[in-house]
Each structure stands twice: as C-alpha cells, then as structure tokens.
C-alpha atoms as a PDB file:
ATOM      1  CA  HIS A   1      10.224 -53.309 -53.462  1.00  0.00           C
ATOM      2  CA  ALA A   2      11.664 -49.823 -52.968  1.00  0.00           C
ATOM      3  CA  LEU A   3       8.373 -48.060 -53.736  1.00  0.00           C
ATOM      4  CA  ASP A   4       6.503 -50.082 -51.120  1.00  0.00           C
ATOM      5  CA  ILE A   5       9.177 -49.413 -48.505  1.00  0.00           C
ATOM      6  CA  MET A   6       9.134 -45.682 -49.212  1.00  0.00           C
ATOM      7  CA  LYS A   7       5.327 -45.520 -49.048  1.00  0.00           C
ATOM      8  CA  LYS A   8       5.347 -47.467 -45.775  1.00  0.00           C
ATOM      9  CA  TYR A   9       7.543 -44.877 -44.081  1.00  0.00           C
ATOM     10  CA  LEU A  10       5.913 -41.812 -45.590  1.00  0.00           C
ATOM     11  CA  GLU A  11       2.634 -43.008 -44.132  1.00  0.00           C
ATOM     12  CA  LYS A  12       4.162 -42.739 -40.640  1.00  0.00           C
ATOM     13  CA  PRO A  13       4.164 -39.492 -38.622  1.00  0.00           C
ATOM     14  CA  GLY A  14       7.330 -37.445 -38.903  1.00  0.00           C
ATOM     15  CA  PHE A  15       8.442 -38.612 -42.340  1.00  0.00           C
ATOM     16  CA  GLN A  16       8.180 -35.750 -44.814  1.00  0.00           C
ATOM     17  CA  GLY A  17      10.107 -36.783 -47.905  1.00  0.00           C
ATOM     18  CA  LEU A  18      12.909 -38.870 -49.388  1.00  0.00           C
ATOM     19  CA  LYS A  19      16.658 -38.246 -49.262  1.00  0.00           C
ATOM     20  CA  LEU A  20      18.924 -39.915 -51.815  1.00  0.00           C
ATOM     21  CA  HIS A  21      22.734 -39.875 -51.901  1.00  0.00           C
ATOM     22  CA  PRO A  22      23.885 -40.643 -55.444  1.00  0.00           C
ATOM     23  CA  ASN A  23      27.599 -40.355 -54.596  1.00  0.00           C
ATOM     24  CA  ILE A  24      27.480 -42.909 -51.777  1.00  0.00           C
ATOM     25  CA  GLN A  25      24.780 -45.128 -53.300  1.00  0.00           C
ATOM     26  CA  CYS A  26      26.408 -45.072 -56.764  1.00  0.00           C
ATOM     27  CA  PHE A  27      23.504 -44.130 -59.026  1.00  0.00           C
ATOM     28  CA  TYR A  28      22.513 -41.152 -61.166  1.00  0.00           C
ATOM     29  CA  PRO A  29      19.415 -39.183 -60.116  1.00  0.00           C
ATOM     30  CA  ASP A  30      17.890 -39.578 -63.579  1.00  0.00           C
ATOM     31  CA  ASP A  31      18.167 -43.376 -63.535  1.00  0.00           C
ATOM     32  CA  ARG A  32      14.774 -44.445 -64.867  1.00  0.00           C
ATOM     33  CA  ARG A  33      14.541 -47.229 -62.304  1.00  0.00           C
ATOM     34  CA  LEU A  34      13.816 -44.477 -59.791  1.00  0.00           C
ATOM     35  CA  TYR A  35      10.994 -42.939 -61.802  1.00  0.00           C
ATOM     36  CA  PRO A  36       8.187 -44.895 -60.066  1.00  0.00           C
ATOM     37  CA  LEU A  37       9.347 -43.352 -56.775  1.00  0.00           C
ATOM     38  CA  TYR A  38       9.363 -39.875 -58.284  1.00  0.00           C
ATOM     39  CA  GLU A  39       5.918 -40.399 -59.786  1.00  0.00           C
ATOM     40  CA  TRP A  40       4.468 -41.280 -56.378  1.00  0.00           C
ATOM     41  CA  LEU A  41       6.280 -38.433 -54.612  1.00  0.00           C
ATOM     42  CA  GLU A  42       5.081 -35.963 -57.245  1.00  0.00           C
ATOM     43  CA  ALA A  43       1.494 -37.175 -56.991  1.00  0.00           C
ATOM     44  CA  HIS A  44       1.554 -36.727 -53.204  1.00  0.00           C
ATOM     45  CA  GLN A  45       3.729 -33.590 -53.233  1.00  0.00           C
ATOM     46  CA  TYR A  46       6.489 -34.972 -51.045  1.00  0.00           C
ATOM     47  CA  PRO A  47       9.967 -33.553 -51.697  1.00  0.00           C
ATOM     48  CA  VAL A  48      13.023 -35.510 -52.736  1.00  0.00           C
ATOM     49  CA  LEU A  49      16.406 -34.257 -51.560  1.00  0.00           C
ATOM     50  CA  PHE A  50      19.493 -35.302 -53.515  1.00  0.00           C
ATOM     51  CA  HIS A  51      23.053 -34.900 -52.398  1.00  0.00           C
ATOM     52  CA  THR A  52      24.538 -32.785 -55.188  1.00  0.00           C
ATOM     53  CA  GLY A  53      28.134 -31.812 -55.803  1.00  0.00           C
ATOM     54  CA  GLY A  54      31.288 -33.296 -54.429  1.00  0.00           C
ATOM     55  CA  ILE A  55      32.036 -34.906 -51.101  1.00  0.00           C
ATOM     56  CA  GLY A  56      35.789 -34.684 -51.412  1.00  0.00           C
ATOM     57  CA  LEU A  57      36.511 -38.104 -49.915  1.00  0.00           C
ATOM     58  CA  SER A  58      39.007 -40.361 -51.631  1.00  0.00           C
ATOM     59  CA  GLY A  59      37.332 -43.318 -53.325  1.00  0.00           C
ATOM     60  CA  ILE A  60      33.895 -41.669 -53.593  1.00  0.00           C
ATOM     61  CA  LYS A  61      32.858 -41.052 -57.208  1.00  0.00           C
ATOM     62  CA  ASP A  62      31.476 -37.534 -57.129  1.00  0.00           C
ATOM     63  CA  GLY A  63      30.340 -37.738 -60.748  1.00  0.00           C
ATOM     64  CA  TYR A  64      27.163 -39.406 -59.504  1.00  0.00           C
ATOM     65  CA  GLY A  65      26.268 -36.157 -57.749  1.00  0.00           C
ATOM     66  CA  ALA A  66      26.761 -33.912 -60.780  1.00  0.00           C
ATOM     67  CA  PRO A  67      23.967 -31.316 -60.564  1.00  0.00           C
ATOM     68  CA  GLU A  68      23.340 -31.440 -64.325  1.00  0.00           C
ATOM     69  CA  ARG A  69      21.461 -34.705 -63.785  1.00  0.00           C
ATOM     70  CA  ILE A  70      18.856 -32.862 -61.706  1.00  0.00           C
ATOM     71  CA  ASP A  71      17.781 -31.052 -64.872  1.00  0.00           C
ATOM     72  CA  ASN A  72      16.530 -34.311 -66.374  1.00  0.00           C
ATOM     73  CA  VAL A  73      14.539 -35.182 -63.245  1.00  0.00           C
ATOM     74  CA  ALA A  74      12.983 -31.712 -63.058  1.00  0.00           C
ATOM     75  CA  CYS A  75      12.058 -31.784 -66.755  1.00  0.00           C
ATOM     76  CA  ASP A  76      10.389 -35.188 -66.453  1.00  0.00           C
ATOM     77  CA  PHE A  77       8.651 -34.344 -63.142  1.00  0.00           C
ATOM     78  CA  PRO A  78       7.811 -30.633 -63.292  1.00  0.00           C
ATOM     79  CA  LYS A  79       5.673 -30.727 -60.135  1.00  0.00           C
ATOM     80  CA  LEU A  80       8.006 -32.841 -58.001  1.00  0.00           C
ATOM     81  CA  PRO A  81       9.558 -30.758 -55.192  1.00  0.00           C
ATOM     82  CA  VAL A  82      13.320 -31.218 -55.667  1.00  0.00           C
ATOM     83  CA  ILE A  83      15.949 -30.022 -53.203  1.00  0.00           C
ATOM     84  CA  MET A  84      19.572 -29.945 -54.288  1.00  0.00           C
ATOM     85  CA  GLY A  85      21.423 -30.822 -51.103  1.00  0.00           C
ATOM     86  CA  HIS A  86      24.542 -28.657 -50.625  1.00  0.00           C
ATOM     87  CA  ALA A  87      23.508 -26.572 -53.640  1.00  0.00           C
ATOM     88  CA  GLY A  88      25.666 -28.637 -55.980  1.00  0.00           C
ATOM     89  CA  ARG A  89      28.814 -27.448 -54.305  1.00  0.00           C
ATOM     90  CA  ILE A  90      30.868 -26.011 -55.839  1.00  0.00           C
ATOM     91  CA  HIS A  91      29.112 -26.008 -59.214  1.00  0.00           C
ATOM     92  CA  TYR A  92      27.243 -22.809 -58.432  1.00  0.00           C
ATOM     93  CA  GLU A  93      26.631 -21.729 -62.030  1.00  0.00           C
ATOM     94  CA  THR A  94      24.732 -24.942 -62.744  1.00  0.00           C
ATOM     95  CA  THR A  95      22.789 -24.614 -59.495  1.00  0.00           C
ATOM     96  CA  ALA A  96      21.817 -21.043 -60.351  1.00  0.00           C
ATOM     97  CA  MET A  97      20.681 -22.122 -63.821  1.00  0.00           C
ATOM     98  CA  LEU A  98      18.487 -24.888 -62.398  1.00  0.00           C
ATOM     99  CA  LEU A  99      16.914 -22.627 -59.775  1.00  0.00           C
ATOM    100  CA  ARG A 100      16.079 -20.104 -62.464  1.00  0.00           C
ATOM    101  CA  LYS A 101      14.811 -22.672 -64.969  1.00  0.00           C
ATOM    102  CA  HIS A 102      12.664 -24.925 -62.778  1.00  0.00           C
ATOM    103  CA  LYS A 103       9.902 -23.672 -60.529  1.00  0.00           C
ATOM    104  CA  ASN A 104      10.036 -26.898 -58.514  1.00  0.00           C
ATOM    105  CA  VAL A 105      13.797 -26.946 -57.824  1.00  0.00           C
ATOM    106  CA  TYR A 106      15.337 -25.584 -54.619  1.00  0.00           C
ATOM    107  CA  ALA A 107      18.764 -25.883 -52.998  1.00  0.00           C
ATOM    108  CA  ASP A 108      19.985 -26.001 -49.434  1.00  0.00           C
ATOM    109  CA  ILE A 109      23.125 -24.166 -48.336  1.00  0.00           C
ATOM    110  CA  SER A 110      24.589 -26.795 -46.007  1.00  0.00           C
ATOM    111  CA  THR A 111      28.377 -27.308 -45.890  1.00  0.00           C
ATOM    112  CA  ASN A 112      29.063 -24.507 -48.335  1.00  0.00           C
ATOM    113  CA  PHE A 113      31.885 -23.161 -46.222  1.00  0.00           C
ATOM    114  CA  GLY A 114      35.542 -22.972 -47.149  1.00  0.00           C
ATOM    115  CA  ARG A 115      38.573 -23.975 -45.118  1.00  0.00           C
ATOM    116  CA  LEU A 116      40.356 -20.618 -45.101  1.00  0.00           C
ATOM    117  CA  ALA A 117      40.473 -19.778 -41.392  1.00  0.00           C
ATOM    118  CA  GLY A 118      38.410 -16.730 -40.506  1.00  0.00           C
ATOM    119  CA  ARG A 119      36.893 -16.481 -43.981  1.00  0.00           C
ATOM    120  CA  GLU A 120      34.908 -19.710 -44.188  1.00  0.00           C
ATOM    121  CA  TRP A 121      31.816 -17.674 -45.113  1.00  0.00           C
ATOM    122  CA  LEU A 122      33.332 -16.563 -48.456  1.00  0.00           C
ATOM    123  CA  GLN A 123      32.192 -19.734 -50.217  1.00  0.00           C
ATOM    124  CA  LEU A 124      28.607 -19.146 -49.076  1.00  0.00           C
ATOM    125  CA  LYS A 125      28.840 -15.587 -50.382  1.00  0.00           C
ATOM    126  CA  LYS A 126      29.847 -16.905 -53.815  1.00  0.00           C
ATOM    127  CA  LEU A 127      26.844 -19.245 -53.839  1.00  0.00           C
ATOM    128  CA  LEU A 128      24.331 -16.570 -52.875  1.00  0.00           C
ATOM    129  CA  GLU A 129      25.736 -14.035 -55.322  1.00  0.00           C
ATOM    130  CA  MET A 130      25.743 -16.454 -58.248  1.00  0.00           C
ATOM    131  CA  VAL A 131      22.159 -17.531 -57.559  1.00  0.00           C
ATOM    132  CA  LYS A 132      20.926 -13.967 -57.151  1.00  0.00           C
ATOM    133  CA  LEU A 133      22.769 -12.725 -60.248  1.00  0.00           C
ATOM    134  CA  TRP A 134      21.268 -15.445 -62.425  1.00  0.00           C
ATOM    135  CA  SER A 135      17.788 -15.875 -60.979  1.00  0.00           C
ATOM    136  CA  GLY A 136      17.233 -12.445 -59.415  1.00  0.00           C
ATOM    137  CA  THR A 137      16.469 -13.778 -55.941  1.00  0.00           C
ATOM    138  CA  THR A 138      17.799 -16.002 -53.168  1.00  0.00           C
ATOM    139  CA  GLU A 139      14.335 -17.141 -52.026  1.00  0.00           C
ATOM    140  CA  LYS A 140      14.836 -20.681 -53.354  1.00  0.00           C
ATOM    141  CA  LEU A 141      17.887 -21.225 -51.169  1.00  0.00           C
ATOM    142  CA  LEU A 142      16.960 -23.109 -48.014  1.00  0.00           C
ATOM    143  CA  PHE A 143      18.717 -23.248 -44.670  1.00  0.00           C
ATOM    144  CA  GLY A 144      20.346 -26.593 -43.923  1.00  0.00           C
ATOM    145  CA  SER A 145      23.130 -27.569 -41.536  1.00  0.00           C
ATOM    146  CA  ASP A 146      24.089 -31.134 -42.628  1.00  0.00           C
ATOM    147  CA  HIS A 147      23.834 -32.279 -39.011  1.00  0.00           C
ATOM    148  CA  PRO A 148      25.773 -34.014 -37.474  1.00  0.00           C
ATOM    149  CA  PHE A 149      28.702 -33.042 -39.704  1.00  0.00           C
ATOM    150  CA  TYR A 150      27.899 -29.349 -39.252  1.00  0.00           C
ATOM    151  CA  MET A 151      25.887 -28.403 -36.201  1.00  0.00           C
ATOM    152  CA  GLN A 152      23.022 -25.992 -36.783  1.00  0.00           C
ATOM    153  CA  ASP A 153      24.549 -23.309 -34.563  1.00  0.00           C
ATOM    154  CA  THR A 154      27.795 -23.501 -36.562  1.00  0.00           C
ATOM    155  CA  THR A 155      25.927 -22.928 -39.820  1.00  0.00           C
ATOM    156  CA  VAL A 156      23.972 -20.031 -38.291  1.00  0.00           C
ATOM    157  CA  PHE A 157      27.201 -18.524 -36.947  1.00  0.00           C
ATOM    158  CA  LEU A 158      28.988 -18.683 -40.310  1.00  0.00           C
ATOM    159  CA  THR A 159      25.931 -17.337 -42.131  1.00  0.00           C
ATOM    160  CA  ARG A 160      25.794 -14.420 -39.701  1.00  0.00           C
ATOM    161  CA  GLN A 161      29.497 -13.843 -40.320  1.00  0.00           C
ATOM    162  CA  LEU A 162      28.620 -13.410 -43.982  1.00  0.00           C
ATOM    163  CA  ALA A 163      25.958 -10.887 -42.949  1.00  0.00           C
ATOM    164  CA  GLU A 164      28.677  -8.840 -41.238  1.00  0.00           C
ATOM    165  CA  HIS A 165      30.590  -8.585 -44.529  1.00  0.00           C
ATOM    166  CA  LEU A 166      27.808  -7.506 -46.864  1.00  0.00           C
ATOM    167  CA  THR A 167      29.585  -4.219 -47.481  1.00  0.00           C
ATOM    168  CA  ASP A 168      31.902  -6.334 -49.657  1.00  0.00           C
ATOM    169  CA  SER A 169      28.946  -7.173 -51.937  1.00  0.00           C
ATOM    170  CA  ASP A 170      26.857  -4.899 -54.139  1.00  0.00           C
ATOM    171  CA  ILE A 171      24.480  -7.803 -54.829  1.00  0.00           C
ATOM    172  CA  LEU A 172      23.370  -9.236 -51.499  1.00  0.00           C
ATOM    173  CA  THR A 173      21.234  -7.461 -48.902  1.00  0.00           C
ATOM    174  CA  PRO A 174      20.619  -8.058 -45.177  1.00  0.00           C
ATOM    175  CA  GLU A 175      17.146  -9.270 -46.165  1.00  0.00           C
ATOM    176  CA  ASP A 176      18.679 -12.063 -48.260  1.00  0.00           C
ATOM    177  CA  ILE A 177      20.445 -13.385 -45.159  1.00  0.00           C
ATOM    178  CA  GLU A 178      17.470 -12.976 -42.841  1.00  0.00           C
ATOM    179  CA  HIS A 179      15.127 -14.692 -45.284  1.00  0.00           C
ATOM    180  CA  LEU A 180      17.620 -17.518 -45.707  1.00  0.00           C
ATOM    181  CA  LEU A 181      17.771 -18.047 -41.954  1.00  0.00           C
ATOM    182  CA  ASN A 182      14.128 -17.453 -41.082  1.00  0.00           C
ATOM    183  CA  GLN A 183      11.685 -17.496 -44.007  1.00  0.00           C
ATOM    184  CA  ASN A 184      12.711 -19.423 -47.118  1.00  0.00           C
ATOM    185  CA  THR A 185      12.427 -22.898 -45.634  1.00  0.00           C
ATOM    186  CA  GLU A 186       9.198 -22.046 -43.833  1.00  0.00           C
ATOM    187  CA  ARG A 187       7.729 -20.850 -47.116  1.00  0.00           C
ATOM    188  CA  PHE A 188       8.823 -24.067 -48.836  1.00  0.00           C
ATOM    189  CA  CYS A 189       7.052 -26.099 -46.139  1.00  0.00           C
ATOM    190  CA  GLU A 190       3.915 -24.004 -46.563  1.00  0.00           C
ATOM    191  CA  ILE A 191       3.880 -24.404 -50.351  1.00  0.00           C
ATOM    192  CA  TYR A 192       4.126 -28.184 -50.133  1.00  0.00           C
ATOM    193  CA  ARG A 193       2.034 -28.466 -46.938  1.00  0.00           C
ATOM    194  CA  LEU A 194       4.730 -30.249 -44.975  1.00  0.00           C
ATOM    195  CA  PHE A 195       3.979 -30.758 -41.283  1.00  0.00           C
ATOM    196  CA  ALA A 196       0.329 -29.950 -41.974  1.00  0.00           C
ATOM    197  CA  SER A 197      -2.458 -32.469 -42.382  1.00  0.00           C
ATOM    198  CA  PRO A 198      -1.586 -36.005 -43.587  1.00  0.00           C
ATOM    199  CA  LYS A 199      -1.254 -36.348 -47.382  1.00  0.00           C
ATOM    200  CA  HIS A 200      -2.285 -39.969 -47.704  1.00  0.00           C
END
C-alpha cells in the first residue's frame, strides 16, 4: 500500500517529504486516490513537491503537470505544505496566482532558464517579476537546482547573472535575489520544522 510505504520511509532519518512527478507517472495531482497520502502528510506537516509545468520531451504528456490542478489540492488540504517544482514553468501567471491565494503553497525556481545564449537568466527574471507583481513578494520562491540535470553551482551562477541585470527591472531588488539564494528555503524549513526533531 502506497501510504504504508511512504510512512515507512518518512520514519527514517534523512527523509523530509514526498516528491511526485505527474508528467512521468501519468496522474493528476488532485486524483482522489492520493488523498490519504496528503492527509497523513498534512497531519505530520511534511511537504509534498510536485513537478509542475512542462518537461518538453517528446512523448511525455505535460498536461498532467498543469499547475491549475495544484489549486484543488491546496483548497482541500489548506495546511499541507505544497511545493510547485519548477514553478509551473512556463505558466507563471498561474503560479503567481497560487502563491498569492494559498498560504501553504510555495514554488522552486529550478530549471527556469532559457536557451538564448548569454541571456538564459531572462526566463528567471520573468518568473520573479510575475510573482512579485501579483503577490507583492518573492519570499515564497525557493532555491532549487534540479540536480543532476542542473548542478547547484550552475543555478547559482545564472541567478547571480540575473542580479547583475536588475537595472533592467523596476520591480526586483538585490534583496529579492539574496533572499532567494540564502533565506527563503531556510525559512520554509523553519516553518515546517524540517531537519529538526523527529515528527513521528
């Protein structure tokens, strides 16, 4: 039973939540068969991280990762810590709406980089600006690298490249970048007491 397997691993040191990949595993996040897992995670305040947005690989049905489905999960489990992996790329308006609407919903920035040589950081800029415009803050955006597809130092480098171009934005501040790199994720871990005392 999936619930028993999940509980078994979350009772071991080092396991701090559940990651689900709707696109690869071919399910919708709001499939009610998953609700017993969410109920347990919510009761114990463990986060669930969903891949959201497209992968861009032929044959993979990206509709399973549509970020709109996260709204249903967050409505039904208002205290469940939810992380939108890849911030719903590139559906940034929906991501911004969900971060504003739901106190328990966060998003990580991993792989939000374009393929235009020398300006890969522009896509990340669009994400941060949309989120800040709609929700007034970037504090619910978490650092993530999507290792091993993007190495952590690559993500830091591209994020710092964005920091060098903030004169192009009248919305973002150096503090937004520094908090993204150094504080937002730490604060998330403090709120949900990850890596603290055992929860079970």
